[in-house]
Amino acid sequence: MTKTRVCICGGGNLAHVTGGWLASRNDCEVNLLTRTPSRWADDGIIRITDPEGKIMDAHIGLITSKPELALKDTNIVLLCLPGFAIADVLRSIAPCLDSKTAVGSIVSSTGFFPMAQNILPKGLELFGFQRVPFIARINEYGHSASLLGYKDSLSVATFNSASPQRIADLLARLFEVKVNLLKNPMMVTLTNSNPLLHPSRLFGIFGNGRSKYGRPVLFYEEWDNFSSQTLIDCDNEFRCLLDRLGISRTDIAPILDYYESHDAQSLTNKIRSIKAFNGLYAPMVKLEDGKFGPDWNNRYFTEDIPFGLLVIKAYTSRYGIETPTIDKVLDWAQRGMGKEYLVKGRLTGRDLPHTVVQYITLDK
């Protein structure tokens, strides 16, 4: 049996679970490219536990910080990275890529496709997931992690692929799930998951006239109607962009459809009821007065604003679509983060070169 050789790039929750899942298969060999190989088990063994208590003890073949070693003879490079790390890793692996190697990202809504198209050698086969295949959480870094939830199906888009169906079939086999092949990369670059979900909730917690709390706040279990309505309004503006691009509700479901809801209250009830989200707290820090306020350095801000919500804003700007709610959330977030992205509703801020927007053409 010919084994598929995969290089996982990253060291977070998804890298642990995806790397462990793939390495547990008999038809797959996995290397890991990470900045901190010394934090991983010396024997390369990682233990993954799924929701039913199934334990997968998997062996990762090589754990290294050297791209030339990690990528040797690989068929697939799979990025499990936050948006702010993608460009640097793409630049580091570019000289080591074989023309037959496919490069993909497990999270594509952070601007993977525009970054890869600008940084990697022309002609490489690219692919990206619309949503992540697993809900993942590290237990002991480099040693164990929990696979908290599976997906019923996955959707994938490709670019420069001579046989997109071959990529979809391969991923279906590796992840043991139905994989839907999407028509173009915009269907995974644009998403109303984390880039809208997280900022809407953050605005609901800290931007609704209250910025301090006497205790940490649960991100999902204490979700409220203001957060739901903000998310619905942002999604309606997002839907205007999808309509302009000819992307249907079947390709990217509206928030209310996705969560089987019909208004803010039912959406609140649905989100609160998702067990896989239990126990997750809002990004907060303890302040000098003993209360808790927003942690502006948390990835919910540093990831989901400059490499999430700004992706959507860049394309709505390109097509001249008004986004008053998205603008309100962006303006609030950038002030708290000490950044300038949006100036009077336009993407002309001084900090845009440090975001995904530098890789997106704003003119049609």
Protein backbone atom coordinates (compact mmCIF):
# COMPACT_ATOMS: atom_id res chain seq x y z
CA MET A 1 0.00 0.00 0.00
CA THR A 2 1.34 3.40 -0.98
CA LYS A 3 1.14 5.73 1.98
CA THR A 4 0.20 9.38 1.75
CA ARG A 5 2.96 11.54 3.22
CA VAL A 6 1.63 14.61 4.98
CA CYS A 7 3.49 17.51 6.57
CA ILE A 8 1.48 19.33 9.23
CA CYS A 9 2.57 22.94 9.80
CA GLY A 10 1.67 24.33 13.21
CA GLY A 11 1.55 23.51 16.89
CA GLY A 12 -1.88 24.52 18.15
CA ASN A 13 -5.08 22.65 18.93
CA LEU A 14 -5.82 21.71 15.32
CA ALA A 15 -2.22 20.68 14.61
CA HIS A 16 -2.30 18.30 17.57
CA VAL A 17 -5.60 16.65 16.70
CA THR A 18 -5.23 16.66 12.91
CA GLY A 19 -1.65 15.41 13.10
CA GLY A 20 -2.61 12.72 15.58
CA TRP A 21 -5.68 11.66 13.61
CA LEU A 22 -3.76 11.31 10.35
CA ALA A 23 -0.75 9.65 11.99
CA SER A 24 -3.04 7.04 13.55
CA ARG A 25 -3.99 5.78 10.07
CA ASN A 26 -2.16 2.87 8.46
CA ASP A 27 -2.19 4.61 5.07
CA CYS A 28 -0.59 7.87 6.19
CA GLU A 29 2.84 9.07 7.35
CA VAL A 30 3.02 12.40 9.13
CA ASN A 31 5.80 14.90 9.75
CA LEU A 32 5.33 18.02 11.84
CA LEU A 33 6.86 21.44 11.15
CA THR A 34 6.76 23.53 14.32
CA ARG A 35 8.74 26.35 15.91
CA THR A 36 9.09 24.38 19.15
CA PRO A 37 9.90 20.71 18.41
CA SER A 38 11.48 20.33 21.85
CA ARG A 39 8.03 20.65 23.48
CA TRP A 40 6.79 17.49 21.79
CA ALA A 41 7.26 13.93 23.04
CA ASP A 42 10.72 12.54 22.26
CA ASP A 43 9.23 9.35 20.82
CA GLY A 44 6.80 11.28 18.59
CA ILE A 45 3.77 9.66 20.23
CA ILE A 46 0.67 11.76 20.69
CA ARG A 47 -2.55 10.52 22.31
CA ILE A 48 -5.87 11.68 20.88
CA THR A 49 -9.16 11.01 22.70
CA ASP A 50 -12.46 11.41 20.90
CA PRO A 51 -15.96 12.20 22.34
CA GLU A 52 -16.81 8.50 22.70
CA GLY A 53 -13.65 7.84 24.68
CA LYS A 54 -11.80 6.18 21.80
CA ILE A 55 -8.05 6.57 22.29
CA MET A 56 -5.68 6.93 19.35
CA ASP A 57 -1.98 6.65 20.15
CA ALA A 58 -0.30 7.96 17.02
CA HIS A 59 3.33 8.24 15.97
CA ILE A 60 4.51 11.35 14.18
CA GLY A 61 7.52 10.44 12.09
CA LEU A 62 9.56 13.63 12.30
CA ILE A 63 9.04 16.71 14.45
CA THR A 64 11.28 19.54 13.36
CA SER A 65 11.59 23.28 12.84
CA LYS A 66 13.47 22.78 9.54
CA PRO A 67 11.23 22.96 6.45
CA GLU A 68 13.72 21.12 4.23
CA LEU A 69 13.46 18.07 6.50
CA ALA A 70 9.75 18.21 7.25
CA LEU A 71 8.75 18.56 3.60
CA LYS A 72 11.04 15.91 2.11
CA ASP A 73 9.06 13.51 -0.12
CA THR A 74 5.69 14.79 1.12
CA ASN A 75 2.53 14.60 -0.99
CA ILE A 76 0.55 17.13 1.01
CA VAL A 77 1.43 20.11 3.16
CA LEU A 78 -1.42 20.99 5.51
CA LEU A 79 -1.30 24.29 7.37
CA CYS A 80 -2.91 24.27 10.83
CA LEU A 81 -2.00 27.86 11.58
CA PRO A 82 -3.52 31.14 12.74
CA GLY A 83 -3.79 33.78 10.04
CA PHE A 84 -0.93 35.91 11.33
CA ALA A 85 1.49 32.95 10.99
CA ILE A 86 0.53 31.77 7.50
CA ALA A 87 2.56 34.20 5.38
CA ASP A 88 5.83 33.61 7.26
CA VAL A 89 5.42 29.82 7.07
CA LEU A 90 4.57 29.98 3.36
CA ARG A 91 7.75 31.96 2.74
CA SER A 92 9.79 29.43 4.72
CA ILE A 93 8.45 26.38 2.89
CA ALA A 94 8.34 27.88 -0.62
CA PRO A 95 11.95 26.91 -1.55
CA CYS A 96 11.36 23.32 -0.35
CA LEU A 97 8.19 22.54 -2.28
CA ASP A 98 8.09 19.99 -5.05
CA SER A 99 5.93 20.90 -8.05
CA LYS A 100 3.78 17.82 -7.34
CA THR A 101 3.12 18.73 -3.71
CA ALA A 102 -0.34 20.05 -2.86
CA VAL A 103 -0.49 22.80 -0.22
CA GLY A 104 -3.65 23.30 1.79
CA SER A 105 -4.98 25.04 4.86
CA ILE A 106 -7.32 23.60 7.43
CA VAL A 107 -8.53 27.16 8.09
CA SER A 108 -9.02 29.17 4.90
CA SER A 109 -11.08 32.13 6.10
CA THR A 110 -7.92 33.86 7.37
CA GLY A 111 -6.83 34.64 3.80
CA PHE A 112 -4.91 31.47 2.93
CA PHE A 113 -5.67 31.57 -0.80
CA PRO A 114 -4.67 35.21 -1.48
CA MET A 115 -1.55 34.77 0.65
CA ALA A 116 -0.53 31.49 -1.04
CA GLN A 117 -1.19 32.88 -4.51
CA ASN A 118 1.09 35.82 -3.78
CA ILE A 119 3.89 33.99 -1.93
CA LEU A 120 4.24 30.44 -3.29
CA PRO A 121 5.68 29.49 -6.69
CA LYS A 122 3.14 29.82 -9.48
CA GLY A 123 1.36 26.66 -10.57
CA LEU A 124 1.30 24.83 -7.25
CA GLU A 125 -1.87 22.92 -6.42
CA LEU A 126 -3.70 24.61 -3.53
CA PHE A 127 -6.71 23.55 -1.48
CA GLY A 128 -8.55 24.83 1.55
CA PHE A 129 -11.29 23.73 3.94
CA GLN A 130 -14.44 25.80 4.41
CA ARG A 131 -14.73 24.73 8.06
CA VAL A 132 -12.33 22.79 10.27
CA PRO A 133 -12.82 19.01 10.35
CA PHE A 134 -12.63 18.73 14.13
CA ILE A 135 -13.31 20.66 17.29
CA ALA A 136 -9.95 20.28 19.03
CA ARG A 137 -8.33 21.08 22.35
CA ILE A 138 -4.82 20.42 23.68
CA ASN A 139 -4.61 18.53 26.97
CA GLU A 140 -0.83 18.35 27.46
CA TYR A 141 1.17 20.23 24.85
CA GLY A 142 3.04 17.92 22.49
CA HIS A 143 1.66 14.81 24.19
CA SER A 144 -2.13 14.63 24.20
CA ALA A 145 -5.25 16.35 22.90
CA SER A 146 -9.02 15.89 22.77
CA LEU A 147 -11.04 15.58 19.60
CA LEU A 148 -14.23 17.18 20.92
CA GLY A 149 -16.43 16.88 17.88
CA TYR A 150 -16.56 15.45 14.35
CA LYS A 151 -18.23 17.03 11.32
CA ASP A 152 -20.82 15.19 9.21
CA SER A 153 -19.23 16.48 6.02
CA LEU A 154 -16.50 18.83 4.85
CA SER A 155 -16.35 21.27 1.97
CA VAL A 156 -13.12 21.98 0.09
CA ALA A 157 -12.06 24.32 -2.70
CA THR A 158 -9.00 24.01 -4.93
CA PHE A 159 -6.85 26.27 -7.10
CA ASN A 160 -4.47 25.27 -9.89
CA SER A 161 -5.58 21.65 -9.58
CA ALA A 162 -5.54 19.42 -12.64
CA SER A 163 -7.91 17.06 -10.83
CA PRO A 164 -9.90 18.74 -8.02
CA GLN A 165 -11.94 15.58 -7.48
CA ARG A 166 -8.76 13.64 -6.76
CA ILE A 167 -7.98 16.05 -3.90
CA ALA A 168 -11.55 15.79 -2.58
CA ASP A 169 -11.46 11.98 -2.72
CA LEU A 170 -8.09 11.85 -0.97
CA LEU A 171 -9.27 14.12 1.84
CA ALA A 172 -12.47 12.09 2.16
CA ARG A 173 -10.39 8.97 2.68
CA LEU A 174 -7.97 10.56 5.12
CA PHE A 175 -10.64 12.21 7.26
CA GLU A 176 -13.23 9.44 6.83
CA VAL A 177 -16.00 11.86 5.96
CA LYS A 178 -17.94 13.02 2.93
CA VAL A 179 -16.12 15.88 1.18
CA ASN A 180 -18.01 18.32 -1.03
CA LEU A 181 -16.02 19.97 -3.80
CA LEU A 182 -16.73 23.69 -4.08
CA LYS A 183 -16.55 25.65 -7.31
CA ASN A 184 -13.97 28.29 -6.39
CA PRO A 185 -11.67 29.44 -3.56
CA MET A 186 -13.92 32.37 -2.64
CA MET A 187 -16.32 29.85 -1.12
CA VAL A 188 -13.79 29.01 1.58
CA THR A 189 -12.04 32.39 1.79
CA LEU A 190 -15.35 33.96 2.73
CA THR A 191 -17.14 32.42 5.70
CA ASN A 192 -19.56 33.50 8.39
CA SER A 193 -18.04 31.20 11.01
CA ASN A 194 -15.27 32.56 13.27
CA PRO A 195 -14.65 35.83 11.36
CA LEU A 196 -18.22 36.90 12.17
CA LEU A 197 -19.05 34.68 15.14
CA HIS A 198 -16.19 35.69 17.43
CA PRO A 199 -16.17 39.47 16.78
CA SER A 200 -19.96 39.65 17.14
CA ARG A 201 -19.77 37.94 20.52
CA LEU A 202 -16.83 40.06 21.68
CA PHE A 203 -18.79 43.18 20.74
CA GLY A 204 -21.78 41.76 22.60
CA ILE A 205 -19.77 41.25 25.79
CA PHE A 206 -17.58 44.34 25.79
CA GLY A 207 -19.10 46.78 23.30
CA ASN A 208 -22.65 47.05 24.56
CA GLY A 209 -22.03 49.75 27.14
CA ARG A 210 -20.17 47.46 29.52
CA SER A 211 -16.48 46.61 29.46
CA LYS A 212 -15.84 45.24 32.96
CA TYR A 213 -17.20 42.27 34.88
CA GLY A 214 -16.82 40.94 38.41
CA ARG A 215 -15.94 37.48 37.10
CA PRO A 216 -14.88 35.77 33.87
CA VAL A 217 -17.74 35.41 31.36
CA LEU A 218 -18.51 32.19 29.51
CA PHE A 219 -18.21 32.85 25.79
CA TYR A 220 -20.98 30.53 24.59
CA GLU A 221 -22.98 29.37 27.60
CA GLU A 222 -23.76 33.01 28.52
CA TRP A 223 -24.34 34.10 24.93
CA ASP A 224 -27.02 36.82 24.78
CA ASN A 225 -29.53 38.25 22.32
CA PHE A 226 -27.46 41.37 21.64
CA SER A 227 -24.61 39.15 20.44
CA SER A 228 -27.07 37.13 18.34
CA GLN A 229 -28.58 40.20 16.70
CA THR A 230 -25.12 41.62 15.97
CA LEU A 231 -24.17 38.32 14.34
CA ILE A 232 -27.40 38.25 12.30
CA ASP A 233 -26.89 41.84 11.11
CA CYS A 234 -23.24 41.16 10.16
CA ASP A 235 -24.35 38.02 8.34
CA ASN A 236 -26.97 39.95 6.37
CA GLU A 237 -24.24 42.33 5.15
CA PHE A 238 -22.04 39.34 4.38
CA ARG A 239 -24.92 37.80 2.39
CA CYS A 240 -25.01 40.90 0.16
CA LEU A 241 -21.40 40.13 -0.83
CA LEU A 242 -22.18 36.48 -1.51
CA ASP A 243 -25.16 37.47 -3.66
CA ARG A 244 -22.90 39.78 -5.67
CA LEU A 245 -20.46 36.91 -6.22
CA GLY A 246 -23.18 34.41 -7.11
CA ILE A 247 -22.50 32.23 -4.06
CA SER A 248 -25.72 30.54 -3.01
CA ARG A 249 -27.23 29.70 0.37
CA THR A 250 -26.45 26.07 -0.38
CA ASP A 251 -22.74 26.87 -0.73
CA ILE A 252 -22.56 29.02 2.43
CA ALA A 253 -25.60 28.76 4.69
CA PRO A 254 -26.90 31.89 6.44
CA ILE A 255 -26.20 31.93 10.16
CA LEU A 256 -29.82 31.33 11.08
CA ASP A 257 -30.05 28.35 8.73
CA TYR A 258 -26.74 26.90 9.90
CA TYR A 259 -27.82 27.03 13.54
CA GLU A 260 -31.40 25.93 12.77
CA SER A 261 -32.79 29.18 14.17
CA HIS A 262 -35.20 31.88 13.02
CA ASP A 263 -34.46 34.94 15.18
CA ALA A 264 -32.06 36.30 17.81
CA GLN A 265 -33.66 34.47 20.72
CA SER A 266 -33.68 31.07 19.03
CA LEU A 267 -30.09 31.61 17.89
CA THR A 268 -29.09 32.43 21.48
CA ASN A 269 -30.78 29.27 22.73
CA LYS A 270 -29.11 27.14 20.06
CA ILE A 271 -25.58 28.45 20.67
CA ARG A 272 -25.96 28.07 24.43
CA SER A 273 -26.99 24.44 23.98
CA ILE A 274 -23.93 23.24 22.02
CA LYS A 275 -22.10 20.95 24.44
CA ALA A 276 -18.78 21.08 22.57
CA PHE A 277 -18.61 24.81 23.44
CA ASN A 278 -19.10 24.30 27.17
CA GLY A 279 -16.50 25.71 29.51
CA LEU A 280 -14.94 28.20 27.09
CA TYR A 281 -14.41 31.64 28.58
CA ALA A 282 -14.27 35.03 26.91
CA PRO A 283 -10.75 36.47 26.48
CA MET A 284 -10.39 38.52 29.66
CA VAL A 285 -7.68 39.81 31.97
CA LYS A 286 -7.89 40.86 35.59
CA LEU A 287 -7.62 44.62 35.96
CA GLU A 288 -6.08 46.70 38.73
CA ASP A 289 -9.48 47.25 40.33
CA GLY A 290 -10.01 43.48 40.57
CA LYS A 291 -12.56 43.33 37.78
CA PHE A 292 -12.19 41.55 34.44
CA GLY A 293 -11.92 43.32 31.09
CA PRO A 294 -11.11 42.37 27.49
CA ASP A 295 -7.75 40.79 26.71
CA TRP A 296 -6.94 42.73 23.56
CA ASN A 297 -3.87 40.55 22.94
CA ASN A 298 -5.91 37.34 22.76
CA ARG A 299 -6.20 35.56 19.40
CA TYR A 300 -9.95 36.25 19.32
CA PHE A 301 -8.82 39.81 18.64
CA THR A 302 -5.38 39.44 16.99
CA GLU A 303 -6.63 36.64 14.68
CA ASP A 304 -10.31 37.23 14.02
CA ILE A 305 -10.04 40.95 13.33
CA PRO A 306 -6.94 41.45 11.08
CA PHE A 307 -7.15 37.95 9.55
CA GLY A 308 -10.88 37.34 9.73
CA LEU A 309 -13.34 40.19 9.73
CA LEU A 310 -11.00 42.28 7.59
CA VAL A 311 -11.08 39.60 4.87
CA ILE A 312 -14.82 40.14 4.57
CA LYS A 313 -14.47 43.93 4.77
CA ALA A 314 -11.82 43.92 2.03
CA TYR A 315 -14.09 42.13 -0.42
CA THR A 316 -17.19 44.16 0.47
CA SER A 317 -15.10 47.30 -0.15
CA ARG A 318 -13.96 45.88 -3.47
CA TYR A 319 -17.56 45.48 -4.59
CA GLY A 320 -18.88 48.69 -3.07
CA ILE A 321 -21.13 47.01 -0.50
CA GLU A 322 -22.11 49.02 2.58
CA THR A 323 -21.46 47.27 5.91
CA PRO A 324 -22.62 49.51 8.79
CA THR A 325 -22.68 46.76 11.44
CA ILE A 326 -19.36 45.24 10.42
CA ASP A 327 -17.86 48.74 10.39
CA LYS A 328 -19.20 49.40 13.90
CA VAL A 329 -17.62 46.20 15.22
CA LEU A 330 -14.33 46.89 13.42
CA ASP A 331 -14.15 50.47 14.68
CA TRP A 332 -14.77 49.35 18.26
CA ALA A 333 -12.20 46.55 18.05
CA GLN A 334 -9.44 48.61 16.45
CA ARG A 335 -9.74 51.30 19.09
CA GLY A 336 -9.38 48.73 21.87
CA MET A 337 -6.48 47.03 20.11
CA GLY A 338 -4.69 50.33 19.48
CA LYS A 339 -4.78 49.75 15.72
CA GLU A 340 -6.00 51.68 12.72
CA TYR A 341 -7.55 49.69 9.89
CA LEU A 342 -10.71 51.58 9.07
CA VAL A 343 -10.82 55.35 8.59
CA LYS A 344 -14.29 56.82 8.08
CA GLY A 345 -15.50 53.49 6.75
CA ARG A 346 -12.62 53.03 4.31
CA LEU A 347 -9.68 50.63 4.45
CA THR A 348 -6.94 53.25 4.55
CA GLY A 349 -5.56 52.81 8.08
CA ARG A 350 -1.86 52.79 8.87
CA ASP A 351 -1.87 49.19 10.20
CA LEU A 352 -3.30 47.48 7.10
CA PRO A 353 0.18 46.31 5.90
CA HIS A 354 0.22 44.01 8.95
CA THR A 355 -3.05 42.32 7.96
CA VAL A 356 -4.35 40.02 5.24
CA VAL A 357 -5.60 43.06 3.32
CA GLN A 358 -2.13 43.58 1.83
CA TYR A 359 -2.68 40.41 -0.23
CA ILE A 360 -6.17 41.34 -1.49
CA THR A 361 -6.72 43.66 -4.43
CA LEU A 362 -9.32 46.21 -3.38
CA ASP A 363 -10.01 47.39 -6.93
CA LYS A 364 -12.28 45.23 -9.09
